[in-house]
Amino acid sequence: MTNQVILYKPQELPRLPKLQEPPKEIRTATILNDSHLSEYRDSIQRYGEVARGKLGQFKSHNGELTGSNSFMPVECANLGLLPSGARLTERPDLEEAIAIEPSFGEGTYIDFGLALVTPGDSYKKNDLPARVLAESLEHRGFKISPGGVLVPYNVLKNVEHVDSACGLVQVLNDKAGKEDIRDLSAFKWNYGPRNEGLARAYLYRGRRWYSNDRGLDGSDSLGRVVVVSAEATPQKFLDEYAAKLEEQRQDLESYLHQVEKLQSRLRGG
């Protein structure tokens, strides 16, 4: 048994914060405008009637492009109609966007990929698209993990197929890499995934994550296409960061001065 206790416990001294370099580039998520709508409509005339009907559901409202399904954003990207240097949004981009600004995408739905669980689907309309996409993945050396994978629209292209109920199927484009295909289990979902086949993945009203929507071709006025672009970090941001570092430097100098005075007293100086 301890029979004496010194009623003092040395305090833990605060650790200095780690310095972080500012990012070399800043990414921006933006709802796509309608500036290329006319060109888009002209470009899809090369497709047959069924495919053209699924692709031709974009409309315009207050300068924004409205409507979205599994095929329309991909077609925009494949046609080169995104802003220079921009790409279609992915799940991590949207997670970051709503963490920074919770109102982003509020009241809309934003498609960002396909949830593929098995190479085939008992829902007949999605069976052929599921098989074709699975074959494309297998051909490129990608495996469908248990529980399925999320395939972002950035790495897809549309292919017309007369046997498809949508008039279209989707396969990997030349940009697809192993880092692009991620397990569905890597993300949290409010609804989904399914236990088989193919479904859309999207953010609904800025709040709920879906990966179980079998309606690959459905579109309505709530849909928006979001693109992500990057640019070198503006000098304004770097100047603001430098100013914060200067404040921290002055605080540290003051703290160091207090440390030296306390050390002197403790040492009997």
C-alpha atoms as a PDB file:
ATOM      1  CA  MET A   1       0.000   0.000   0.000  1.00  0.00           C
ATOM      2  CA  THR A   2       1.239   3.482  -0.855  1.00  0.00           C
ATOM      3  CA  ASN A   3       1.456   5.569   2.329  1.00  0.00           C
ATOM      4  CA  GLN A   4       2.408   8.917   0.866  1.00  0.00           C
ATOM      5  CA  VAL A   5       1.299  10.870  -2.230  1.00  0.00           C
ATOM      6  CA  ILE A   6       2.848  14.039  -3.548  1.00  0.00           C
ATOM      7  CA  LEU A   7      -0.149  16.176  -4.482  1.00  0.00           C
ATOM      8  CA  TYR A   8       1.274  17.403  -7.724  1.00  0.00           C
ATOM      9  CA  LYS A   9       1.353  15.883 -11.174  1.00  0.00           C
ATOM     10  CA  PRO A  10       3.526  17.536 -13.846  1.00  0.00           C
ATOM     11  CA  GLN A  11       1.414  18.923 -16.662  1.00  0.00           C
ATOM     12  CA  GLU A  12       1.832  17.767 -20.222  1.00  0.00           C
ATOM     13  CA  LEU A  13       3.337  20.574 -22.249  1.00  0.00           C
ATOM     14  CA  PRO A  14       1.478  21.454 -25.476  1.00  0.00           C
ATOM     15  CA  ARG A  15       3.050  20.167 -28.660  1.00  0.00           C
ATOM     16  CA  LEU A  16       3.810  22.516 -31.495  1.00  0.00           C
ATOM     17  CA  PRO A  17       1.410  22.253 -34.436  1.00  0.00           C
ATOM     18  CA  LYS A  18       2.734  20.581 -37.574  1.00  0.00           C
ATOM     19  CA  LEU A  19       3.361  22.943 -40.431  1.00  0.00           C
ATOM     20  CA  GLN A  20       1.406  22.209 -43.585  1.00  0.00           C
ATOM     21  CA  GLU A  21       2.345  23.366 -47.035  1.00  0.00           C
ATOM     22  CA  PRO A  22      -0.550  25.045 -48.851  1.00  0.00           C
ATOM     23  CA  PRO A  23      -1.869  23.002 -51.794  1.00  0.00           C
ATOM     24  CA  LYS A  24      -0.257  23.632 -55.162  1.00  0.00           C
ATOM     25  CA  GLU A  25      -3.672  23.675 -56.778  1.00  0.00           C
ATOM     26  CA  ILE A  26      -7.223  24.453 -55.744  1.00  0.00           C
ATOM     27  CA  ARG A  27     -10.115  22.303 -56.956  1.00  0.00           C
ATOM     28  CA  THR A  28     -13.549  23.790 -57.561  1.00  0.00           C
ATOM     29  CA  ALA A  29     -16.837  21.913 -57.899  1.00  0.00           C
ATOM     30  CA  THR A  30     -19.304  23.684 -60.184  1.00  0.00           C
ATOM     31  CA  ILE A  31     -22.789  22.971 -61.494  1.00  0.00           C
ATOM     32  CA  LEU A  32     -22.508  22.843 -65.271  1.00  0.00           C
ATOM     33  CA  ASN A  33     -24.157  25.678 -67.184  1.00  0.00           C
ATOM     34  CA  ASP A  34     -26.216  25.391 -70.359  1.00  0.00           C
ATOM     35  CA  SER A  35     -23.746  27.084 -72.701  1.00  0.00           C
ATOM     36  CA  HIS A  36     -23.218  23.955 -74.826  1.00  0.00           C
ATOM     37  CA  LEU A  37     -26.783  22.630 -74.798  1.00  0.00           C
ATOM     38  CA  SER A  38     -27.443  23.411 -78.445  1.00  0.00           C
ATOM     39  CA  GLU A  39     -24.168  21.795 -79.531  1.00  0.00           C
ATOM     40  CA  TYR A  40     -24.949  18.761 -77.378  1.00  0.00           C
ATOM     41  CA  ARG A  41     -28.363  18.324 -78.964  1.00  0.00           C
ATOM     42  CA  ASP A  42     -26.867  18.544 -82.439  1.00  0.00           C
ATOM     43  CA  SER A  43     -24.164  15.991 -81.573  1.00  0.00           C
ATOM     44  CA  ILE A  44     -26.527  13.265 -80.350  1.00  0.00           C
ATOM     45  CA  GLN A  45     -28.470  13.248 -83.628  1.00  0.00           C
ATOM     46  CA  ARG A  46     -26.044  10.583 -84.868  1.00  0.00           C
ATOM     47  CA  TYR A  47     -27.628   8.056 -82.498  1.00  0.00           C
ATOM     48  CA  GLY A  48     -30.695   5.947 -83.188  1.00  0.00           C
ATOM     49  CA  GLU A  49     -34.119   6.927 -81.895  1.00  0.00           C
ATOM     50  CA  VAL A  50     -33.990   4.993 -78.607  1.00  0.00           C
ATOM     51  CA  ALA A  51     -30.520   6.168 -77.571  1.00  0.00           C
ATOM     52  CA  ARG A  52     -31.295   9.706 -78.705  1.00  0.00           C
ATOM     53  CA  GLY A  53     -34.374   9.718 -76.478  1.00  0.00           C
ATOM     54  CA  LYS A  54     -32.351   8.736 -73.399  1.00  0.00           C
ATOM     55  CA  LEU A  55     -29.583  11.226 -74.130  1.00  0.00           C
ATOM     56  CA  GLY A  56     -31.838  14.089 -75.157  1.00  0.00           C
ATOM     57  CA  GLN A  57     -33.401  14.895 -71.793  1.00  0.00           C
ATOM     58  CA  PHE A  58     -31.276  17.905 -70.857  1.00  0.00           C
ATOM     59  CA  LYS A  59     -33.119  21.181 -70.379  1.00  0.00           C
ATOM     60  CA  SER A  60     -32.156  24.639 -69.164  1.00  0.00           C
ATOM     61  CA  HIS A  61     -33.206  26.667 -66.127  1.00  0.00           C
ATOM     62  CA  ASN A  62     -31.698  29.997 -65.044  1.00  0.00           C
ATOM     63  CA  GLY A  63     -28.559  29.294 -67.051  1.00  0.00           C
ATOM     64  CA  GLU A  64     -27.999  25.845 -65.524  1.00  0.00           C
ATOM     65  CA  LEU A  65     -28.129  22.545 -67.359  1.00  0.00           C
ATOM     66  CA  THR A  66     -30.945  20.502 -65.818  1.00  0.00           C
ATOM     67  CA  GLY A  67     -31.612  16.778 -65.918  1.00  0.00           C
ATOM     68  CA  SER A  68     -29.258  13.838 -65.546  1.00  0.00           C
ATOM     69  CA  ASN A  69     -29.097  10.094 -65.910  1.00  0.00           C
ATOM     70  CA  SER A  70     -26.366   7.494 -66.309  1.00  0.00           C
ATOM     71  CA  PHE A  71     -25.699   8.389 -69.937  1.00  0.00           C
ATOM     72  CA  MET A  72     -26.075  12.159 -70.313  1.00  0.00           C
ATOM     73  CA  PRO A  73     -23.111  13.391 -68.199  1.00  0.00           C
ATOM     74  CA  VAL A  74     -20.875  10.763 -69.824  1.00  0.00           C
ATOM     75  CA  GLU A  75     -21.920  11.949 -73.266  1.00  0.00           C
ATOM     76  CA  CYS A  76     -21.108  15.556 -72.331  1.00  0.00           C
ATOM     77  CA  ALA A  77     -17.615  14.497 -71.295  1.00  0.00           C
ATOM     78  CA  ASN A  78     -17.095  12.235 -74.325  1.00  0.00           C
ATOM     79  CA  LEU A  79     -18.090  15.089 -76.650  1.00  0.00           C
ATOM     80  CA  GLY A  80     -15.569  17.431 -75.040  1.00  0.00           C
ATOM     81  CA  LEU A  81     -18.274  19.813 -73.869  1.00  0.00           C
ATOM     82  CA  LEU A  82     -16.988  20.256 -70.316  1.00  0.00           C
ATOM     83  CA  PRO A  83     -15.015  23.400 -69.428  1.00  0.00           C
ATOM     84  CA  SER A  84     -11.339  23.236 -70.315  1.00  0.00           C
ATOM     85  CA  GLY A  85      -9.460  21.027 -67.848  1.00  0.00           C
ATOM     86  CA  ALA A  86     -12.632  19.984 -66.030  1.00  0.00           C
ATOM     87  CA  ARG A  87     -13.877  16.463 -65.329  1.00  0.00           C
ATOM     88  CA  LEU A  88     -17.107  14.957 -64.050  1.00  0.00           C
ATOM     89  CA  THR A  89     -17.438  14.903 -60.279  1.00  0.00           C
ATOM     90  CA  GLU A  90     -16.763  11.771 -58.232  1.00  0.00           C
ATOM     91  CA  ARG A  91     -18.027  10.650 -54.834  1.00  0.00           C
ATOM     92  CA  PRO A  92     -15.020  11.982 -52.833  1.00  0.00           C
ATOM     93  CA  ASP A  93     -15.377  15.390 -54.522  1.00  0.00           C
ATOM     94  CA  LEU A  94     -19.002  15.664 -53.442  1.00  0.00           C
ATOM     95  CA  GLU A  95     -18.226  14.521 -49.909  1.00  0.00           C
ATOM     96  CA  GLU A  96     -15.652  17.285 -49.641  1.00  0.00           C
ATOM     97  CA  ALA A  97     -17.938  19.866 -51.250  1.00  0.00           C
ATOM     98  CA  ILE A  98     -20.848  19.372 -48.851  1.00  0.00           C
ATOM     99  CA  ALA A  99     -18.478  19.180 -45.867  1.00  0.00           C
ATOM    100  CA  ILE A 100     -17.198  22.653 -46.767  1.00  0.00           C
ATOM    101  CA  GLU A 101     -20.531  24.062 -47.942  1.00  0.00           C
ATOM    102  CA  PRO A 102     -23.539  21.976 -46.781  1.00  0.00           C
ATOM    103  CA  SER A 103     -25.924  23.819 -49.106  1.00  0.00           C
ATOM    104  CA  PHE A 104     -24.072  22.699 -52.243  1.00  0.00           C
ATOM    105  CA  GLY A 105     -26.413  20.610 -54.379  1.00  0.00           C
ATOM    106  CA  GLU A 106     -29.314  21.182 -52.017  1.00  0.00           C
ATOM    107  CA  GLY A 107     -32.624  20.420 -53.698  1.00  0.00           C
ATOM    108  CA  THR A 108     -31.008  18.523 -56.608  1.00  0.00           C
ATOM    109  CA  TYR A 109     -29.607  15.115 -57.409  1.00  0.00           C
ATOM    110  CA  ILE A 110     -26.075  14.676 -58.740  1.00  0.00           C
ATOM    111  CA  ASP A 111     -25.076  11.485 -60.547  1.00  0.00           C
ATOM    112  CA  PHE A 112     -21.472  10.393 -60.070  1.00  0.00           C
ATOM    113  CA  GLY A 113     -21.141   6.744 -61.067  1.00  0.00           C
ATOM    114  CA  LEU A 114     -22.448   3.224 -61.514  1.00  0.00           C
ATOM    115  CA  ALA A 115     -22.727   0.626 -58.754  1.00  0.00           C
ATOM    116  CA  LEU A 116     -21.909  -2.762 -60.270  1.00  0.00           C
ATOM    117  CA  VAL A 117     -22.439  -5.739 -57.959  1.00  0.00           C
ATOM    118  CA  THR A 118     -22.683  -8.747 -60.300  1.00  0.00           C
ATOM    119  CA  PRO A 119     -22.156  -9.335 -64.059  1.00  0.00           C
ATOM    120  CA  GLY A 120     -25.839  -9.730 -64.786  1.00  0.00           C
ATOM    121  CA  ASP A 121     -29.152  -8.538 -63.396  1.00  0.00           C
ATOM    122  CA  SER A 122     -32.523 -10.169 -62.790  1.00  0.00           C
ATOM    123  CA  TYR A 123     -34.018  -6.789 -63.661  1.00  0.00           C
ATOM    124  CA  LYS A 124     -34.101  -7.437 -67.394  1.00  0.00           C
ATOM    125  CA  LYS A 125     -33.590  -3.845 -68.497  1.00  0.00           C
ATOM    126  CA  ASN A 126     -30.231  -3.709 -66.695  1.00  0.00           C
ATOM    127  CA  ASP A 127     -29.004  -7.210 -67.481  1.00  0.00           C
ATOM    128  CA  LEU A 128     -27.239  -6.401 -70.750  1.00  0.00           C
ATOM    129  CA  PRO A 129     -25.651  -3.141 -69.431  1.00  0.00           C
ATOM    130  CA  ALA A 130     -24.414  -5.028 -66.343  1.00  0.00           C
ATOM    131  CA  ARG A 131     -22.896  -7.832 -68.417  1.00  0.00           C
ATOM    132  CA  VAL A 132     -21.236  -5.464 -70.873  1.00  0.00           C
ATOM    133  CA  LEU A 133     -19.711  -3.301 -68.153  1.00  0.00           C
ATOM    134  CA  ALA A 134     -18.524  -6.374 -66.226  1.00  0.00           C
ATOM    135  CA  GLU A 135     -16.873  -7.739 -69.381  1.00  0.00           C
ATOM    136  CA  SER A 136     -15.175  -4.388 -69.952  1.00  0.00           C
ATOM    137  CA  LEU A 137     -13.816  -4.426 -66.403  1.00  0.00           C
ATOM    138  CA  GLU A 138     -12.614  -8.017 -66.759  1.00  0.00           C
ATOM    139  CA  HIS A 139     -10.946  -7.250 -70.096  1.00  0.00           C
ATOM    140  CA  ARG A 140      -8.964  -4.470 -68.400  1.00  0.00           C
ATOM    141  CA  GLY A 141      -7.980  -6.657 -65.450  1.00  0.00           C
ATOM    142  CA  PHE A 142     -10.394  -5.213 -62.881  1.00  0.00           C
ATOM    143  CA  LYS A 143     -12.247  -7.592 -60.578  1.00  0.00           C
ATOM    144  CA  ILE A 144     -15.684  -7.049 -59.099  1.00  0.00           C
ATOM    145  CA  SER A 145     -15.104  -7.385 -55.384  1.00  0.00           C
ATOM    146  CA  PRO A 146     -17.696  -8.999 -53.101  1.00  0.00           C
ATOM    147  CA  GLY A 147     -20.294  -6.330 -52.449  1.00  0.00           C
ATOM    148  CA  GLY A 148     -19.612  -4.599 -55.749  1.00  0.00           C
ATOM    149  CA  VAL A 149     -17.624  -1.698 -57.135  1.00  0.00           C
ATOM    150  CA  LEU A 150     -18.247   1.969 -57.844  1.00  0.00           C
ATOM    151  CA  VAL A 151     -17.327   2.973 -61.394  1.00  0.00           C
ATOM    152  CA  PRO A 152     -17.156   6.781 -61.779  1.00  0.00           C
ATOM    153  CA  TYR A 153     -18.548   8.360 -64.921  1.00  0.00           C
ATOM    154  CA  ASN A 154     -15.130   9.867 -65.627  1.00  0.00           C
ATOM    155  CA  VAL A 155     -13.855   6.500 -66.825  1.00  0.00           C
ATOM    156  CA  LEU A 156     -16.870   5.494 -68.922  1.00  0.00           C
ATOM    157  CA  LYS A 157     -17.984   5.973 -72.492  1.00  0.00           C
ATOM    158  CA  ASN A 158     -21.341   5.350 -74.147  1.00  0.00           C
ATOM    159  CA  VAL A 159     -21.707   2.732 -76.862  1.00  0.00           C
ATOM    160  CA  GLU A 160     -24.887   2.358 -78.901  1.00  0.00           C
ATOM    161  CA  HIS A 161     -26.326  -1.163 -78.684  1.00  0.00           C
ATOM    162  CA  VAL A 162     -29.517  -2.198 -80.481  1.00  0.00           C
ATOM    163  CA  ASP A 163     -30.285  -4.924 -77.921  1.00  0.00           C
ATOM    164  CA  SER A 164     -30.213  -2.540 -74.972  1.00  0.00           C
ATOM    165  CA  ALA A 165     -33.546  -1.253 -73.672  1.00  0.00           C
ATOM    166  CA  CYS A 166     -31.852   2.136 -73.328  1.00  0.00           C
ATOM    167  CA  GLY A 167     -30.265   1.933 -76.759  1.00  0.00           C
ATOM    168  CA  LEU A 168     -26.905   2.265 -75.039  1.00  0.00           C
ATOM    169  CA  VAL A 169     -24.421   0.396 -72.873  1.00  0.00           C
ATOM    170  CA  GLN A 170     -21.309   1.706 -71.148  1.00  0.00           C
ATOM    171  CA  VAL A 171     -17.712   0.489 -71.161  1.00  0.00           C
ATOM    172  CA  LEU A 172     -14.438   1.739 -69.708  1.00  0.00           C
ATOM    173  CA  ASN A 173     -12.658   4.487 -71.600  1.00  0.00           C
ATOM    174  CA  ASP A 174      -8.904   4.751 -72.124  1.00  0.00           C
ATOM    175  CA  LYS A 175      -8.420   6.826 -68.957  1.00  0.00           C
ATOM    176  CA  ALA A 176      -9.593   4.131 -66.529  1.00  0.00           C
ATOM    177  CA  GLY A 177      -7.010   3.055 -63.945  1.00  0.00           C
ATOM    178  CA  LYS A 178      -7.149   0.676 -61.003  1.00  0.00           C
ATOM    179  CA  GLU A 179      -7.282   3.613 -58.606  1.00  0.00           C
ATOM    180  CA  ASP A 180     -10.546   4.749 -60.223  1.00  0.00           C
ATOM    181  CA  ILE A 181     -12.531   1.576 -59.491  1.00  0.00           C
ATOM    182  CA  ARG A 182     -13.320   1.455 -55.780  1.00  0.00           C
ATOM    183  CA  ASP A 183     -15.262  -0.964 -53.602  1.00  0.00           C
ATOM    184  CA  LEU A 184     -18.792   0.147 -52.763  1.00  0.00           C
ATOM    185  CA  SER A 185     -18.005  -0.838 -49.166  1.00  0.00           C
ATOM    186  CA  ALA A 186     -15.449   1.981 -49.010  1.00  0.00           C
ATOM    187  CA  PHE A 187     -18.334   4.438 -48.741  1.00  0.00           C
ATOM    188  CA  LYS A 188     -21.368   4.890 -46.529  1.00  0.00           C
ATOM    189  CA  TRP A 189     -24.758   4.737 -48.261  1.00  0.00           C
ATOM    190  CA  ASN A 190     -28.214   5.762 -47.097  1.00  0.00           C
ATOM    191  CA  TYR A 191     -29.834   3.526 -49.705  1.00  0.00           C
ATOM    192  CA  GLY A 192     -28.089   0.546 -51.284  1.00  0.00           C
ATOM    193  CA  PRO A 193     -26.196  -1.071 -52.651  1.00  0.00           C
ATOM    194  CA  ARG A 194     -28.334  -3.773 -54.251  1.00  0.00           C
ATOM    195  CA  ASN A 195     -27.394  -7.432 -53.917  1.00  0.00           C
ATOM    196  CA  GLU A 196     -26.985  -7.881 -57.655  1.00  0.00           C
ATOM    197  CA  GLY A 197     -26.643  -6.200 -61.007  1.00  0.00           C
ATOM    198  CA  LEU A 198     -26.235  -2.560 -61.926  1.00  0.00           C
ATOM    199  CA  ALA A 199     -27.567   0.681 -60.439  1.00  0.00           C
ATOM    200  CA  ARG A 200     -26.960   4.410 -60.468  1.00  0.00           C
ATOM    201  CA  ALA A 201     -25.041   6.129 -57.687  1.00  0.00           C
ATOM    202  CA  TYR A 202     -25.922   9.709 -56.840  1.00  0.00           C
ATOM    203  CA  LEU A 203     -26.235  12.334 -54.139  1.00  0.00           C
ATOM    204  CA  TYR A 204     -29.866  13.286 -53.557  1.00  0.00           C
ATOM    205  CA  ARG A 205     -30.773  16.781 -52.357  1.00  0.00           C
ATOM    206  CA  GLY A 206     -27.299  17.239 -50.917  1.00  0.00           C
ATOM    207  CA  ARG A 207     -28.057  14.861 -48.066  1.00  0.00           C
ATOM    208  CA  ARG A 208     -28.574  11.214 -49.028  1.00  0.00           C
ATOM    209  CA  TRP A 209     -26.314   8.806 -50.885  1.00  0.00           C
ATOM    210  CA  TYR A 210     -27.930   6.283 -53.224  1.00  0.00           C
ATOM    211  CA  SER A 211     -26.409   3.244 -54.946  1.00  0.00           C
ATOM    212  CA  ASN A 212     -29.540   1.200 -55.602  1.00  0.00           C
ATOM    213  CA  ASP A 213     -31.481   3.059 -58.317  1.00  0.00           C
ATOM    214  CA  ARG A 214     -32.178   0.648 -61.169  1.00  0.00           C
ATOM    215  CA  GLY A 215     -33.459   3.431 -63.429  1.00  0.00           C
ATOM    216  CA  LEU A 216     -30.317   4.088 -65.451  1.00  0.00           C
ATOM    217  CA  ASP A 217     -32.138   6.261 -67.989  1.00  0.00           C
ATOM    218  CA  GLY A 218     -34.469   8.293 -65.760  1.00  0.00           C
ATOM    219  CA  SER A 219     -34.072  12.057 -65.672  1.00  0.00           C
ATOM    220  CA  ASP A 220     -36.013  14.976 -64.246  1.00  0.00           C
ATOM    221  CA  SER A 221     -35.621  18.695 -63.595  1.00  0.00           C
ATOM    222  CA  LEU A 222     -33.832  18.175 -60.248  1.00  0.00           C
ATOM    223  CA  GLY A 223     -30.803  16.654 -61.975  1.00  0.00           C
ATOM    224  CA  ARG A 224     -27.581  18.627 -62.226  1.00  0.00           C
ATOM    225  CA  VAL A 225     -24.212  17.819 -63.758  1.00  0.00           C
ATOM    226  CA  VAL A 226     -21.284  18.797 -61.542  1.00  0.00           C
ATOM    227  CA  VAL A 227     -17.758  19.203 -62.843  1.00  0.00           C
ATOM    228  CA  VAL A 228     -14.489  19.622 -60.974  1.00  0.00           C
ATOM    229  CA  SER A 229     -11.685  21.828 -62.214  1.00  0.00           C
ATOM    230  CA  ALA A 230      -8.275  22.649 -60.781  1.00  0.00           C
ATOM    231  CA  GLU A 231      -6.052  25.688 -61.021  1.00  0.00           C
ATOM    232  CA  ALA A 232      -2.811  26.805 -59.451  1.00  0.00           C
ATOM    233  CA  THR A 233      -3.429  28.129 -55.956  1.00  0.00           C
ATOM    234  CA  PRO A 234      -4.180  31.869 -56.348  1.00  0.00           C
ATOM    235  CA  GLN A 235      -1.624  34.251 -54.867  1.00  0.00           C
ATOM    236  CA  LYS A 236      -4.404  35.715 -52.703  1.00  0.00           C
ATOM    237  CA  PHE A 237      -4.752  32.366 -50.913  1.00  0.00           C
ATOM    238  CA  LEU A 238      -0.983  32.091 -50.480  1.00  0.00           C
ATOM    239  CA  ASP A 239      -0.801  35.624 -49.074  1.00  0.00           C
ATOM    240  CA  GLU A 240      -3.591  34.860 -46.583  1.00  0.00           C
ATOM    241  CA  TYR A 241      -1.803  31.689 -45.492  1.00  0.00           C
ATOM    242  CA  ALA A 242       1.466  33.582 -45.109  1.00  0.00           C
ATOM    243  CA  ALA A 243      -0.317  36.146 -42.915  1.00  0.00           C
ATOM    244  CA  LYS A 244      -1.660  33.369 -40.674  1.00  0.00           C
ATOM    245  CA  LEU A 245       1.839  31.904 -40.416  1.00  0.00           C
ATOM    246  CA  GLU A 246       3.161  35.314 -39.370  1.00  0.00           C
ATOM    247  CA  GLU A 247       0.554  35.489 -36.583  1.00  0.00           C
ATOM    248  CA  GLN A 248       1.591  32.035 -35.459  1.00  0.00           C
ATOM    249  CA  ARG A 249       5.277  32.972 -35.571  1.00  0.00           C
ATOM    250  CA  GLN A 250       4.663  35.980 -33.318  1.00  0.00           C
ATOM    251  CA  ASP A 251       2.647  33.849 -30.893  1.00  0.00           C
ATOM    252  CA  LEU A 252       5.462  31.298 -30.792  1.00  0.00           C
ATOM    253  CA  GLU A 253       8.063  33.998 -30.129  1.00  0.00           C
ATOM    254  CA  SER A 254       5.967  35.257 -27.206  1.00  0.00           C
ATOM    255  CA  TYR A 255       5.537  31.703 -25.928  1.00  0.00           C
ATOM    256  CA  LEU A 256       9.285  31.031 -26.238  1.00  0.00           C
ATOM    257  CA  HIS A 257      10.045  34.179 -24.263  1.00  0.00           C
ATOM    258  CA  GLN A 258       7.745  32.968 -21.464  1.00  0.00           C
ATOM    259  CA  VAL A 259       9.416  29.538 -21.543  1.00  0.00           C
ATOM    260  CA  GLU A 260      12.854  31.111 -21.141  1.00  0.00           C
ATOM    261  CA  LYS A 261      11.693  33.251 -18.189  1.00  0.00           C
ATOM    262  CA  LEU A 262      10.130  30.244 -16.482  1.00  0.00           C
ATOM    263  CA  GLN A 263      13.266  28.160 -17.045  1.00  0.00           C
ATOM    264  CA  SER A 264      15.371  30.928 -15.502  1.00  0.00           C
ATOM    265  CA  ARG A 265      13.205  31.079 -12.379  1.00  0.00           C
ATOM    266  CA  LEU A 266      13.193  27.303 -12.004  1.00  0.00           C
ATOM    267  CA  ARG A 267      16.971  27.238 -12.203  1.00  0.00           C
ATOM    268  CA  GLY A 268      17.269  29.941  -9.580  1.00  0.00           C
ATOM    269  CA  GLY A 269      18.280  32.644 -12.044  1.00  0.00           C
END
